[in-house]
Amino acid sequence: MSRRVLVGLMGLTAFVLAAPALVAQDQGAADPAYLNVKVPATAKLEIQGRLTLATGEMRRFVSPPLPAGKKYTYTVIAVWTGADGKEEKRSEEVQVFPGRTADVDFVTPKKADPTNNPPKKDAPKAADPPKKDTPPPPPPPVDTPKKDAPKKDGAADDKKKEKEDPDRKPDVIYVPTPQKVVDEMLKLANVKKEDVVYDLGCGDARIPVTAAKKFGCKAWGFDIDPDRIKDSNKNVEDNKVGELVTIEKKDIFTLDLSKANVVTLYLLPQLNVRLIPQLEKLKAGSRIVSHDFDMEGVKPDKVEDVEDDRGTKHKIYLWTTPLKKEKE
């Protein structure tokens, strides 16, 4: 798979984050950065302008590997409906560092800084009742609907449109898998000519194309992003493997995987977990390989470290069916 979890760690709920804005420049090894965001359970959460798919009060995210010695900045925006029925919006700039966890809390009220209190005013006269402090109004939310819009009908229309829209946003941000990692993934899966490879979230189809060219096997690539489908079909055409490789625009969480005996992944950990019911239907002896991310609750048969041509280290996980569940 050639795409990565923003991190829709989106229980640990995860979503792979796009590389954040660079603040400082130093060189070093690459590690992911981790971000925990606490929000009201019904809040919509955006990171770097992208709506995440995580739900619940505590949402956890992981970035792609980032060079050590650098610091990065994410813009985090949360929008929710308050107890008074009004929409509330909070935003925060948060710095993250490779190998470390940053926390954002939009739920716990911040304590006032006594050093920033304004000077006290003269006490009111005895005849006058004390004035109540009036909190400033919350900042206006982005894209607030007009008051005269029929909220009930509008909400129903939006829900219907979302259900009917085949081009929903991808669950992860596209990050290509380095070719050396692709080669090692297929090697670890022990791919043969008689195998059928399914790449879930195929990106530019480099995994299906490589499998077809190196092993002569049939391979399918599935993605929900129309741009990635275009890239994939072009890659298949350029490499003249159209007789072996099929690209389909599909939601991977609705796929029947029973025809495959090799499945490749480059998803977030929570998305791997979400696939377990489908992966359990694979025939015995099928192999599942994942770039960088494990599958919580399932013990891998092997874990290998790979260094790409740029010196960045990656992990590859292998599972075989039937899956070996870890004891709690």
C-alpha atoms as a PDB file:
ATOM      1  CA  MET A   1       0.000   0.000   0.000  1.00  0.00           C
ATOM      2  CA  SER A   2       1.254   3.467  -0.805  1.00  0.00           C
ATOM      3  CA  ARG A   3      -0.659   5.650   1.575  1.00  0.00           C
ATOM      4  CA  ARG A   4      -0.439   6.608   5.193  1.00  0.00           C
ATOM      5  CA  VAL A   5      -2.222   7.157   8.346  1.00  0.00           C
ATOM      6  CA  LEU A   6      -3.172  11.659   9.476  1.00  0.00           C
ATOM      7  CA  VAL A   7      -3.789  10.550  12.387  1.00  0.00           C
ATOM      8  CA  GLY A   8      -7.437   9.523  11.200  1.00  0.00           C
ATOM      9  CA  LEU A   9      -4.217   6.413  16.580  1.00  0.00           C
ATOM     10  CA  MET A  10      -8.019   8.598  14.716  1.00  0.00           C
ATOM     11  CA  GLY A  11      -9.557   3.991  21.305  1.00  0.00           C
ATOM     12  CA  LEU A  12      -6.256   4.288  20.478  1.00  0.00           C
ATOM     13  CA  THR A  13      -7.862   6.117  17.591  1.00  0.00           C
ATOM     14  CA  ALA A  14      -5.295   6.931  14.971  1.00  0.00           C
ATOM     15  CA  PHE A  15      -5.006   8.944  11.843  1.00  0.00           C
ATOM     16  CA  VAL A  16      -1.765   9.535   9.884  1.00  0.00           C
ATOM     17  CA  LEU A  17      -0.940  13.210   9.828  1.00  0.00           C
ATOM     18  CA  ALA A  18       0.518  14.982   6.862  1.00  0.00           C
ATOM     19  CA  ALA A  19       3.976  16.359   7.416  1.00  0.00           C
ATOM     20  CA  PRO A  20       3.484  19.554   9.445  1.00  0.00           C
ATOM     21  CA  ALA A  21       4.963  22.942   8.779  1.00  0.00           C
ATOM     22  CA  LEU A  22       8.693  22.999   9.438  1.00  0.00           C
ATOM     23  CA  VAL A  23       9.889  25.397  12.116  1.00  0.00           C
ATOM     24  CA  ALA A  24      13.542  24.506  12.788  1.00  0.00           C
ATOM     25  CA  GLN A  25      16.256  22.965  10.652  1.00  0.00           C
ATOM     26  CA  ASP A  26      18.535  20.155  11.870  1.00  0.00           C
ATOM     27  CA  GLN A  27      19.386  16.771  10.465  1.00  0.00           C
ATOM     28  CA  GLY A  28      18.865  13.395  12.128  1.00  0.00           C
ATOM     29  CA  ALA A  29      17.081  10.052  12.043  1.00  0.00           C
ATOM     30  CA  ALA A  30      13.339   9.952  11.344  1.00  0.00           C
ATOM     31  CA  ASP A  31      10.636   9.043  13.870  1.00  0.00           C
ATOM     32  CA  PRO A  32       6.877   9.674  13.957  1.00  0.00           C
ATOM     33  CA  ALA A  33       5.431  12.429  16.118  1.00  0.00           C
ATOM     34  CA  TYR A  34       2.305  11.737  18.179  1.00  0.00           C
ATOM     35  CA  LEU A  35      -0.592  14.073  18.890  1.00  0.00           C
ATOM     36  CA  ASN A  36      -3.393  13.556  21.445  1.00  0.00           C
ATOM     37  CA  VAL A  37      -6.437  15.808  21.139  1.00  0.00           C
ATOM     38  CA  LYS A  38      -9.176  15.914  23.788  1.00  0.00           C
ATOM     39  CA  VAL A  39     -12.469  17.334  22.496  1.00  0.00           C
ATOM     40  CA  PRO A  40     -16.199  17.024  23.194  1.00  0.00           C
ATOM     41  CA  ALA A  41     -17.271  13.632  21.872  1.00  0.00           C
ATOM     42  CA  THR A  42     -19.434  15.162  19.120  1.00  0.00           C
ATOM     43  CA  ALA A  43     -16.820  17.633  17.890  1.00  0.00           C
ATOM     44  CA  LYS A  44     -15.573  17.853  14.335  1.00  0.00           C
ATOM     45  CA  LEU A  45     -11.801  18.098  14.260  1.00  0.00           C
ATOM     46  CA  GLU A  46      -9.593  19.564  11.570  1.00  0.00           C
ATOM     47  CA  ILE A  47      -5.804  19.329  11.396  1.00  0.00           C
ATOM     48  CA  GLN A  48      -3.958  21.392   8.826  1.00  0.00           C
ATOM     49  CA  GLY A  49      -7.269  22.197   7.160  1.00  0.00           C
ATOM     50  CA  ARG A  50      -8.308  18.561   6.716  1.00  0.00           C
ATOM     51  CA  LEU A  51     -11.369  17.115   8.444  1.00  0.00           C
ATOM     52  CA  THR A  52     -10.345  14.007  10.391  1.00  0.00           C
ATOM     53  CA  LEU A  53     -12.528  10.912  10.702  1.00  0.00           C
ATOM     54  CA  ALA A  54     -11.796  10.194  14.363  1.00  0.00           C
ATOM     55  CA  THR A  55     -14.645  10.105  16.888  1.00  0.00           C
ATOM     56  CA  GLY A  56     -14.953  10.158  20.674  1.00  0.00           C
ATOM     57  CA  GLU A  57     -13.492  12.417  23.327  1.00  0.00           C
ATOM     58  CA  MET A  58      -9.831  11.375  23.115  1.00  0.00           C
ATOM     59  CA  ARG A  59      -8.381  11.230  19.624  1.00  0.00           C
ATOM     60  CA  ARG A  60      -4.826  10.199  18.859  1.00  0.00           C
ATOM     61  CA  PHE A  61      -2.815  10.824  15.735  1.00  0.00           C
ATOM     62  CA  VAL A  62       0.577   9.844  14.367  1.00  0.00           C
ATOM     63  CA  SER A  63       2.652  11.545  11.689  1.00  0.00           C
ATOM     64  CA  PRO A  64       4.841  10.007   9.011  1.00  0.00           C
ATOM     65  CA  PRO A  65       8.470   9.538  10.135  1.00  0.00           C
ATOM     66  CA  LEU A  66       9.994  13.005  10.663  1.00  0.00           C
ATOM     67  CA  PRO A  67      13.716  13.826  10.886  1.00  0.00           C
ATOM     68  CA  ALA A  68      14.904  14.101  14.493  1.00  0.00           C
ATOM     69  CA  GLY A  69      16.168  17.453  15.712  1.00  0.00           C
ATOM     70  CA  LYS A  70      13.372  19.350  13.987  1.00  0.00           C
ATOM     71  CA  LYS A  71      10.149  20.751  15.366  1.00  0.00           C
ATOM     72  CA  TYR A  72       6.918  21.099  13.454  1.00  0.00           C
ATOM     73  CA  THR A  73       3.640  22.966  13.869  1.00  0.00           C
ATOM     74  CA  TYR A  74       0.071  21.752  13.353  1.00  0.00           C
ATOM     75  CA  THR A  75      -3.032  23.941  13.328  1.00  0.00           C
ATOM     76  CA  VAL A  76      -5.815  22.112  15.188  1.00  0.00           C
ATOM     77  CA  ILE A  77      -9.437  23.330  14.981  1.00  0.00           C
ATOM     78  CA  ALA A  78     -12.405  21.818  16.864  1.00  0.00           C
ATOM     79  CA  VAL A  79     -16.061  22.739  16.248  1.00  0.00           C
ATOM     80  CA  TRP A  80     -18.997  21.460  18.294  1.00  0.00           C
ATOM     81  CA  THR A  81     -22.471  22.359  19.537  1.00  0.00           C
ATOM     82  CA  GLY A  82     -22.483  23.630  23.125  1.00  0.00           C
ATOM     83  CA  ALA A  83     -25.030  22.950  25.855  1.00  0.00           C
ATOM     84  CA  ASP A  84     -26.846  26.151  24.850  1.00  0.00           C
ATOM     85  CA  GLY A  85     -27.297  24.861  21.308  1.00  0.00           C
ATOM     86  CA  LYS A  86     -24.796  27.308  19.855  1.00  0.00           C
ATOM     87  CA  GLU A  87     -21.850  26.243  17.756  1.00  0.00           C
ATOM     88  CA  GLU A  88     -18.466  26.643  19.430  1.00  0.00           C
ATOM     89  CA  LYS A  89     -15.075  26.711  17.790  1.00  0.00           C
ATOM     90  CA  ARG A  90     -11.598  26.442  19.305  1.00  0.00           C
ATOM     91  CA  SER A  91      -8.242  26.425  17.583  1.00  0.00           C
ATOM     92  CA  GLU A  92      -4.669  25.973  18.702  1.00  0.00           C
ATOM     93  CA  GLU A  93      -1.212  25.964  17.142  1.00  0.00           C
ATOM     94  CA  VAL A  94       0.730  23.013  18.552  1.00  0.00           C
ATOM     95  CA  GLN A  95       4.364  22.114  18.077  1.00  0.00           C
ATOM     96  CA  VAL A  96       5.250  18.440  17.682  1.00  0.00           C
ATOM     97  CA  PHE A  97       8.632  16.755  17.777  1.00  0.00           C
ATOM     98  CA  PRO A  98       9.753  13.404  16.306  1.00  0.00           C
ATOM     99  CA  GLY A  99       9.473  10.595  18.852  1.00  0.00           C
ATOM    100  CA  ARG A 100       7.468  12.686  21.314  1.00  0.00           C
ATOM    101  CA  THR A 101       3.780  13.185  22.142  1.00  0.00           C
ATOM    102  CA  ALA A 102       2.002  16.550  22.195  1.00  0.00           C
ATOM    103  CA  ASP A 103      -1.364  17.114  23.893  1.00  0.00           C
ATOM    104  CA  VAL A 104      -4.205  19.499  23.069  1.00  0.00           C
ATOM    105  CA  ASP A 105      -7.170  19.838  25.452  1.00  0.00           C
ATOM    106  CA  PHE A 106     -10.307  21.613  24.233  1.00  0.00           C
ATOM    107  CA  VAL A 107     -12.441  20.217  27.091  1.00  0.00           C
ATOM    108  CA  THR A 108     -10.805  21.269  30.361  1.00  0.00           C
ATOM    109  CA  PRO A 109     -11.291  25.020  30.985  1.00  0.00           C
ATOM    110  CA  LYS A 110      -8.026  26.895  31.140  1.00  0.00           C
ATOM    111  CA  LYS A 111      -7.195  28.569  34.447  1.00  0.00           C
ATOM    112  CA  ALA A 112      -6.911  32.306  34.325  1.00  0.00           C
ATOM    113  CA  ASP A 113      -3.400  33.711  34.655  1.00  0.00           C
ATOM    114  CA  PRO A 114      -3.409  35.947  37.729  1.00  0.00           C
ATOM    115  CA  THR A 115      -0.519  37.968  36.320  1.00  0.00           C
ATOM    116  CA  ASN A 116      -2.704  39.036  33.409  1.00  0.00           C
ATOM    117  CA  ASN A 117      -5.715  40.205  35.455  1.00  0.00           C
ATOM    118  CA  PRO A 118      -6.796  43.752  34.574  1.00  0.00           C
ATOM    119  CA  PRO A 119      -6.571  46.376  37.317  1.00  0.00           C
ATOM    120  CA  LYS A 120      -9.523  46.340  39.695  1.00  0.00           C
ATOM    121  CA  LYS A 121     -12.177  49.008  39.226  1.00  0.00           C
ATOM    122  CA  ASP A 122     -13.573  51.074  42.049  1.00  0.00           C
ATOM    123  CA  ALA A 123     -16.229  49.207  44.006  1.00  0.00           C
ATOM    124  CA  PRO A 124     -19.768  50.213  43.000  1.00  0.00           C
ATOM    125  CA  LYS A 125     -21.791  52.403  45.287  1.00  0.00           C
ATOM    126  CA  ALA A 126     -23.930  50.654  47.867  1.00  0.00           C
ATOM    127  CA  ALA A 127     -27.099  51.717  46.061  1.00  0.00           C
ATOM    128  CA  ASP A 128     -25.932  50.106  42.826  1.00  0.00           C
ATOM    129  CA  PRO A 129     -26.091  46.299  42.384  1.00  0.00           C
ATOM    130  CA  PRO A 130     -22.709  44.754  41.508  1.00  0.00           C
ATOM    131  CA  LYS A 131     -22.151  44.336  37.812  1.00  0.00           C
ATOM    132  CA  LYS A 132     -21.863  40.810  36.513  1.00  0.00           C
ATOM    133  CA  ASP A 133     -18.907  39.870  34.399  1.00  0.00           C
ATOM    134  CA  THR A 134     -20.083  39.191  30.865  1.00  0.00           C
ATOM    135  CA  PRO A 135     -17.842  36.713  29.057  1.00  0.00           C
ATOM    136  CA  PRO A 136     -16.874  37.702  25.534  1.00  0.00           C
ATOM    137  CA  PRO A 137     -18.811  35.883  22.812  1.00  0.00           C
ATOM    138  CA  PRO A 138     -17.070  32.890  21.258  1.00  0.00           C
ATOM    139  CA  PRO A 139     -15.371  33.512  17.933  1.00  0.00           C
ATOM    140  CA  PRO A 140     -17.704  32.933  14.997  1.00  0.00           C
ATOM    141  CA  PRO A 141     -17.400  29.461  13.527  1.00  0.00           C
ATOM    142  CA  VAL A 142     -16.252  28.928   9.994  1.00  0.00           C
ATOM    143  CA  ASP A 143     -18.982  28.441   7.399  1.00  0.00           C
ATOM    144  CA  THR A 144     -21.816  29.121   9.840  1.00  0.00           C
ATOM    145  CA  PRO A 145     -25.181  28.396   8.119  1.00  0.00           C
ATOM    146  CA  LYS A 146     -27.637  31.246   7.807  1.00  0.00           C
ATOM    147  CA  LYS A 147     -30.167  31.526  10.605  1.00  0.00           C
ATOM    148  CA  ASP A 148     -33.105  31.356   8.245  1.00  0.00           C
ATOM    149  CA  ALA A 149     -31.930  28.070   6.737  1.00  0.00           C
ATOM    150  CA  PRO A 150     -34.191  25.123   7.645  1.00  0.00           C
ATOM    151  CA  LYS A 151     -31.792  23.227   9.869  1.00  0.00           C
ATOM    152  CA  LYS A 152     -33.747  19.968  10.019  1.00  0.00           C
ATOM    153  CA  ASP A 153     -34.231  19.613   6.274  1.00  0.00           C
ATOM    154  CA  GLY A 154     -30.712  20.855   5.578  1.00  0.00           C
ATOM    155  CA  ALA A 155     -29.161  18.312   7.927  1.00  0.00           C
ATOM    156  CA  ALA A 156     -31.171  15.522   6.320  1.00  0.00           C
ATOM    157  CA  ASP A 157     -30.062  16.641   2.854  1.00  0.00           C
ATOM    158  CA  ASP A 158     -26.415  16.765   3.929  1.00  0.00           C
ATOM    159  CA  LYS A 159     -26.630  13.255   5.396  1.00  0.00           C
ATOM    160  CA  LYS A 160     -28.274  11.926   2.249  1.00  0.00           C
ATOM    161  CA  LYS A 161     -25.675  13.623   0.051  1.00  0.00           C
ATOM    162  CA  GLU A 162     -22.833  12.187   2.158  1.00  0.00           C
ATOM    163  CA  LYS A 163     -24.298   8.690   1.862  1.00  0.00           C
ATOM    164  CA  GLU A 164     -24.730   9.004  -1.891  1.00  0.00           C
ATOM    165  CA  ASP A 165     -21.344  10.649  -2.512  1.00  0.00           C
ATOM    166  CA  PRO A 166     -18.919   7.992  -3.787  1.00  0.00           C
ATOM    167  CA  ASP A 167     -15.990  10.413  -3.524  1.00  0.00           C
ATOM    168  CA  ARG A 168     -15.760  10.735   0.253  1.00  0.00           C
ATOM    169  CA  LYS A 169     -12.417  11.827   1.623  1.00  0.00           C
ATOM    170  CA  PRO A 170      -9.769   9.126   2.006  1.00  0.00           C
ATOM    171  CA  ASP A 171      -9.116   7.770   5.497  1.00  0.00           C
ATOM    172  CA  VAL A 172      -5.400   8.520   5.240  1.00  0.00           C
ATOM    173  CA  ILE A 173      -3.191  11.004   3.459  1.00  0.00           C
ATOM    174  CA  TYR A 174      -1.306   9.627   0.465  1.00  0.00           C
ATOM    175  CA  VAL A 175       2.387   9.052   1.075  1.00  0.00           C
ATOM    176  CA  PRO A 176       4.179   6.772  -1.410  1.00  0.00           C
ATOM    177  CA  THR A 177       5.925   3.677  -0.088  1.00  0.00           C
ATOM    178  CA  PRO A 178       9.615   3.750  -1.096  1.00  0.00           C
ATOM    179  CA  GLN A 179      10.344   1.190  -3.811  1.00  0.00           C
ATOM    180  CA  LYS A 180      12.883  -0.617  -1.644  1.00  0.00           C
ATOM    181  CA  VAL A 181      10.182  -1.101   1.010  1.00  0.00           C
ATOM    182  CA  VAL A 182       7.759  -2.350  -1.657  1.00  0.00           C
ATOM    183  CA  ASP A 183      10.303  -4.960  -2.756  1.00  0.00           C
ATOM    184  CA  GLU A 184      10.898  -6.090   0.833  1.00  0.00           C
ATOM    185  CA  MET A 185       7.157  -6.294   1.563  1.00  0.00           C
ATOM    186  CA  LEU A 186       6.591  -8.634  -1.379  1.00  0.00           C
ATOM    187  CA  LYS A 187       9.676 -10.627  -0.452  1.00  0.00           C
ATOM    188  CA  LEU A 188       8.518 -11.035   3.147  1.00  0.00           C
ATOM    189  CA  ALA A 189       5.081 -12.145   1.884  1.00  0.00           C
ATOM    190  CA  ASN A 190       6.856 -14.766  -0.268  1.00  0.00           C
ATOM    191  CA  VAL A 191       4.799 -13.840  -3.333  1.00  0.00           C
ATOM    192  CA  LYS A 192       4.593 -16.472  -6.083  1.00  0.00           C
ATOM    193  CA  LYS A 193       3.240 -16.463  -9.618  1.00  0.00           C
ATOM    194  CA  GLU A 194       0.086 -18.335  -8.553  1.00  0.00           C
ATOM    195  CA  ASP A 195      -0.755 -15.779  -5.836  1.00  0.00           C
ATOM    196  CA  VAL A 196      -3.420 -13.077  -5.982  1.00  0.00           C
ATOM    197  CA  VAL A 197      -2.310  -9.795  -4.420  1.00  0.00           C
ATOM    198  CA  TYR A 198      -4.758  -7.203  -3.074  1.00  0.00           C
ATOM    199  CA  ASP A 199      -3.314  -3.766  -2.237  1.00  0.00           C
ATOM    200  CA  LEU A 200      -5.745  -1.833  -0.027  1.00  0.00           C
ATOM    201  CA  GLY A 201      -5.272   1.882  -0.628  1.00  0.00           C
ATOM    202  CA  CYS A 202      -3.075   1.420  -3.664  1.00  0.00           C
ATOM    203  CA  GLY A 203      -1.947   5.028  -4.231  1.00  0.00           C
ATOM    204  CA  ASP A 204      -0.110   4.933  -7.557  1.00  0.00           C
ATOM    205  CA  ALA A 205      -0.302   1.098  -7.752  1.00  0.00           C
ATOM    206  CA  ARG A 206       3.422   0.586  -7.303  1.00  0.00           C
ATOM    207  CA  ILE A 207       2.815  -2.547  -5.228  1.00  0.00           C
ATOM    208  CA  PRO A 208       0.472  -4.306  -7.726  1.00  0.00           C
ATOM    209  CA  VAL A 209       2.685  -3.231 -10.636  1.00  0.00           C
ATOM    210  CA  THR A 210       5.835  -4.513  -8.915  1.00  0.00           C
ATOM    211  CA  ALA A 211       4.141  -7.803  -7.994  1.00  0.00           C
ATOM    212  CA  ALA A 212       3.045  -8.348 -11.594  1.00  0.00           C
ATOM    213  CA  LYS A 213       6.424  -7.461 -13.116  1.00  0.00           C
ATOM    214  CA  LYS A 214       8.619  -9.389 -10.666  1.00  0.00           C
ATOM    215  CA  PHE A 215       6.474 -12.464 -10.056  1.00  0.00           C
ATOM    216  CA  GLY A 216       3.998 -12.564 -12.932  1.00  0.00           C
ATOM    217  CA  CYS A 217       1.063 -12.841 -10.536  1.00  0.00           C
ATOM    218  CA  LYS A 218      -2.334 -11.206 -10.735  1.00  0.00           C
ATOM    219  CA  ALA A 219      -2.811  -8.152  -8.549  1.00  0.00           C
ATOM    220  CA  TRP A 220      -5.611  -5.754  -7.683  1.00  0.00           C
ATOM    221  CA  GLY A 221      -5.282  -2.204  -6.388  1.00  0.00           C
ATOM    222  CA  PHE A 222      -8.165  -0.533  -4.565  1.00  0.00           C
ATOM    223  CA  ASP A 223      -8.481   3.126  -3.651  1.00  0.00           C
ATOM    224  CA  ILE A 224     -11.282   5.595  -2.961  1.00  0.00           C
ATOM    225  CA  ASP A 225      -9.418   8.667  -4.208  1.00  0.00           C
ATOM    226  CA  PRO A 226     -10.153   9.436  -7.907  1.00  0.00           C
ATOM    227  CA  ASP A 227      -6.725  11.068  -8.327  1.00  0.00           C
ATOM    228  CA  ARG A 228      -4.993   7.951  -7.077  1.00  0.00           C
ATOM    229  CA  ILE A 229      -7.053   5.825  -9.469  1.00  0.00           C
ATOM    230  CA  LYS A 230      -5.813   7.986 -12.348  1.00  0.00           C
ATOM    231  CA  ASP A 231      -2.217   7.660 -11.155  1.00  0.00           C
ATOM    232  CA  SER A 232      -2.612   3.903 -10.795  1.00  0.00           C
ATOM    233  CA  ASN A 233      -4.069   3.340 -14.234  1.00  0.00           C
ATOM    234  CA  LYS A 234      -1.285   5.415 -15.788  1.00  0.00           C
ATOM    235  CA  ASN A 235       1.341   3.391 -13.924  1.00  0.00           C
ATOM    236  CA  VAL A 236      -0.250   0.146 -15.096  1.00  0.00           C
ATOM    237  CA  GLU A 237      -0.319   1.415 -18.672  1.00  0.00           C
ATOM    238  CA  ASP A 238       3.254   2.739 -18.580  1.00  0.00           C
ATOM    239  CA  ASN A 239       4.538  -0.610 -17.300  1.00  0.00           C
ATOM    240  CA  LYS A 240       2.395  -2.661 -19.701  1.00  0.00           C
ATOM    241  CA  VAL A 241       0.950  -4.935 -17.019  1.00  0.00           C
ATOM    242  CA  GLY A 242      -2.724  -4.388 -17.821  1.00  0.00           C
ATOM    243  CA  GLU A 243      -3.286  -8.119 -18.365  1.00  0.00           C
ATOM    244  CA  LEU A 244      -2.268  -8.840 -14.791  1.00  0.00           C
ATOM    245  CA  VAL A 245      -3.171  -5.714 -12.796  1.00  0.00           C
ATOM    246  CA  THR A 246      -6.693  -4.429 -12.173  1.00  0.00           C
ATOM    247  CA  ILE A 247      -7.408  -1.069 -10.520  1.00  0.00           C
ATOM    248  CA  GLU A 248     -10.805  -0.406  -8.956  1.00  0.00           C
ATOM    249  CA  LYS A 249     -12.268   2.583  -7.136  1.00  0.00           C
ATOM    250  CA  LYS A 250     -13.682   0.921  -4.022  1.00  0.00           C
ATOM    251  CA  ASP A 251     -14.116   1.485  -0.307  1.00  0.00           C
ATOM    252  CA  ILE A 252     -11.669  -1.042   1.151  1.00  0.00           C
ATOM    253  CA  PHE A 253     -13.853  -1.573   4.232  1.00  0.00           C
ATOM    254  CA  THR A 254     -16.622  -3.047   2.080  1.00  0.00           C
ATOM    255  CA  LEU A 255     -14.434  -5.386   0.011  1.00  0.00           C
ATOM    256  CA  ASP A 256     -14.667  -9.166  -0.114  1.00  0.00           C
ATOM    257  CA  LEU A 257     -11.038 -10.219   0.347  1.00  0.00           C
ATOM    258  CA  SER A 258     -11.655 -13.975   0.054  1.00  0.00           C
ATOM    259  CA  LYS A 259     -10.138 -14.245  -3.437  1.00  0.00           C
ATOM    260  CA  ALA A 260      -6.776 -12.871  -2.293  1.00  0.00           C
ATOM    261  CA  ASN A 261      -3.993 -14.779  -0.586  1.00  0.00           C
ATOM    262  CA  VAL A 262      -1.648 -11.781  -0.201  1.00  0.00           C
ATOM    263  CA  VAL A 263      -2.893  -8.450   1.196  1.00  0.00           C
ATOM    264  CA  THR A 264      -0.675  -5.374   1.452  1.00  0.00           C
ATOM    265  CA  LEU A 265      -1.394  -2.419   3.744  1.00  0.00           C
ATOM    266  CA  TYR A 266      -0.087   1.059   4.469  1.00  0.00           C
ATOM    267  CA  LEU A 267      -2.765   2.264   6.857  1.00  0.00           C
ATOM    268  CA  LEU A 268      -3.053   3.571  10.384  1.00  0.00           C
ATOM    269  CA  PRO A 269      -3.110   1.048  13.240  1.00  0.00           C
ATOM    270  CA  GLN A 270      -6.800   1.600  13.969  1.00  0.00           C
ATOM    271  CA  LEU A 271      -7.652   1.115  10.299  1.00  0.00           C
ATOM    272  CA  ASN A 272      -5.726  -2.164  10.278  1.00  0.00           C
ATOM    273  CA  VAL A 273      -7.803  -3.237  13.285  1.00  0.00           C
ATOM    274  CA  ARG A 274     -10.971  -2.235  11.468  1.00  0.00           C
ATOM    275  CA  LEU A 275     -10.044  -4.654   8.671  1.00  0.00           C
ATOM    276  CA  ILE A 276      -9.666  -7.682  10.976  1.00  0.00           C
ATOM    277  CA  PRO A 277     -13.176  -9.100  10.320  1.00  0.00           C
ATOM    278  CA  GLN A 278     -12.450  -9.061   6.577  1.00  0.00           C
ATOM    279  CA  LEU A 279      -8.930 -10.422   6.949  1.00  0.00           C
ATOM    280  CA  GLU A 280     -10.196 -13.325   9.046  1.00  0.00           C
ATOM    281  CA  LYS A 281     -12.139 -14.536   6.011  1.00  0.00           C
ATOM    282  CA  LEU A 282      -8.958 -15.077   3.994  1.00  0.00           C
ATOM    283  CA  LYS A 283      -8.128 -18.706   3.215  1.00  0.00           C
ATOM    284  CA  ALA A 284      -5.647 -20.407   5.554  1.00  0.00           C
ATOM    285  CA  GLY A 285      -2.024 -19.622   4.752  1.00  0.00           C
ATOM    286  CA  SER A 286      -2.754 -16.183   3.300  1.00  0.00           C
ATOM    287  CA  ARG A 287      -0.183 -13.496   4.054  1.00  0.00           C
ATOM    288  CA  ILE A 288      -0.790  -9.928   5.183  1.00  0.00           C
ATOM    289  CA  VAL A 289       2.037  -7.384   5.127  1.00  0.00           C
ATOM    290  CA  SER A 290       1.862  -3.859   6.530  1.00  0.00           C
ATOM    291  CA  HIS A 291       4.271  -0.993   6.059  1.00  0.00           C
ATOM    292  CA  ASP A 292       5.156   0.785   9.346  1.00  0.00           C
ATOM    293  CA  PHE A 293       1.947   0.070  11.291  1.00  0.00           C
ATOM    294  CA  ASP A 294       0.919  -2.952  13.361  1.00  0.00           C
ATOM    295  CA  MET A 295      -2.490  -4.471  14.078  1.00  0.00           C
ATOM    296  CA  GLU A 296      -3.448  -4.151  17.733  1.00  0.00           C
ATOM    297  CA  GLY A 297      -4.612  -7.432  19.262  1.00  0.00           C
ATOM    298  CA  VAL A 298      -3.052  -9.634  16.565  1.00  0.00           C
ATOM    299  CA  LYS A 299       0.453 -11.077  16.960  1.00  0.00           C
ATOM    300  CA  PRO A 300       2.663 -10.707  13.870  1.00  0.00           C
ATOM    301  CA  ASP A 301       4.666 -13.698  12.607  1.00  0.00           C
ATOM    302  CA  LYS A 302       7.595 -11.471  11.692  1.00  0.00           C
ATOM    303  CA  VAL A 303       8.689  -7.847  12.028  1.00  0.00           C
ATOM    304  CA  GLU A 304      11.558  -6.623   9.885  1.00  0.00           C
ATOM    305  CA  ASP A 305      13.434  -3.326   9.703  1.00  0.00           C
ATOM    306  CA  VAL A 306      14.185  -1.826   6.303  1.00  0.00           C
ATOM    307  CA  GLU A 307      16.254   1.229   5.439  1.00  0.00           C
ATOM    308  CA  ASP A 308      15.301   3.012   2.228  1.00  0.00           C
ATOM    309  CA  ASP A 309      17.665   4.710  -0.205  1.00  0.00           C
ATOM    310  CA  ARG A 310      17.432   7.986   1.752  1.00  0.00           C
ATOM    311  CA  GLY A 311      18.474   6.331   4.995  1.00  0.00           C
ATOM    312  CA  THR A 312      15.006   6.426   6.573  1.00  0.00           C
ATOM    313  CA  LYS A 313      14.151   3.347   8.637  1.00  0.00           C
ATOM    314  CA  HIS A 314      10.840   1.507   8.173  1.00  0.00           C
ATOM    315  CA  LYS A 315       9.159  -1.504   9.749  1.00  0.00           C
ATOM    316  CA  ILE A 316       7.361  -4.286   7.894  1.00  0.00           C
ATOM    317  CA  TYR A 317       4.875  -6.532   9.696  1.00  0.00           C
ATOM    318  CA  LEU A 318       3.826  -9.995   8.474  1.00  0.00           C
ATOM    319  CA  TRP A 319       0.782 -11.979   9.591  1.00  0.00           C
ATOM    320  CA  THR A 320      -0.472 -15.294   8.220  1.00  0.00           C
ATOM    321  CA  THR A 321      -3.986 -16.668   8.473  1.00  0.00           C
ATOM    322  CA  PRO A 322      -5.571 -17.817  10.632  1.00  0.00           C
ATOM    323  CA  LEU A 323      -4.653 -14.695  12.599  1.00  0.00           C
ATOM    324  CA  LYS A 324      -3.068 -15.231  16.013  1.00  0.00           C
ATOM    325  CA  LYS A 325      -4.981 -13.151  18.536  1.00  0.00           C
ATOM    326  CA  GLU A 326      -2.975 -11.837  21.482  1.00  0.00           C
ATOM    327  CA  LYS A 327      -4.174 -12.809  24.944  1.00  0.00           C
ATOM    328  CA  GLU A 328      -5.484  -9.897  26.994  1.00  0.00           C
END
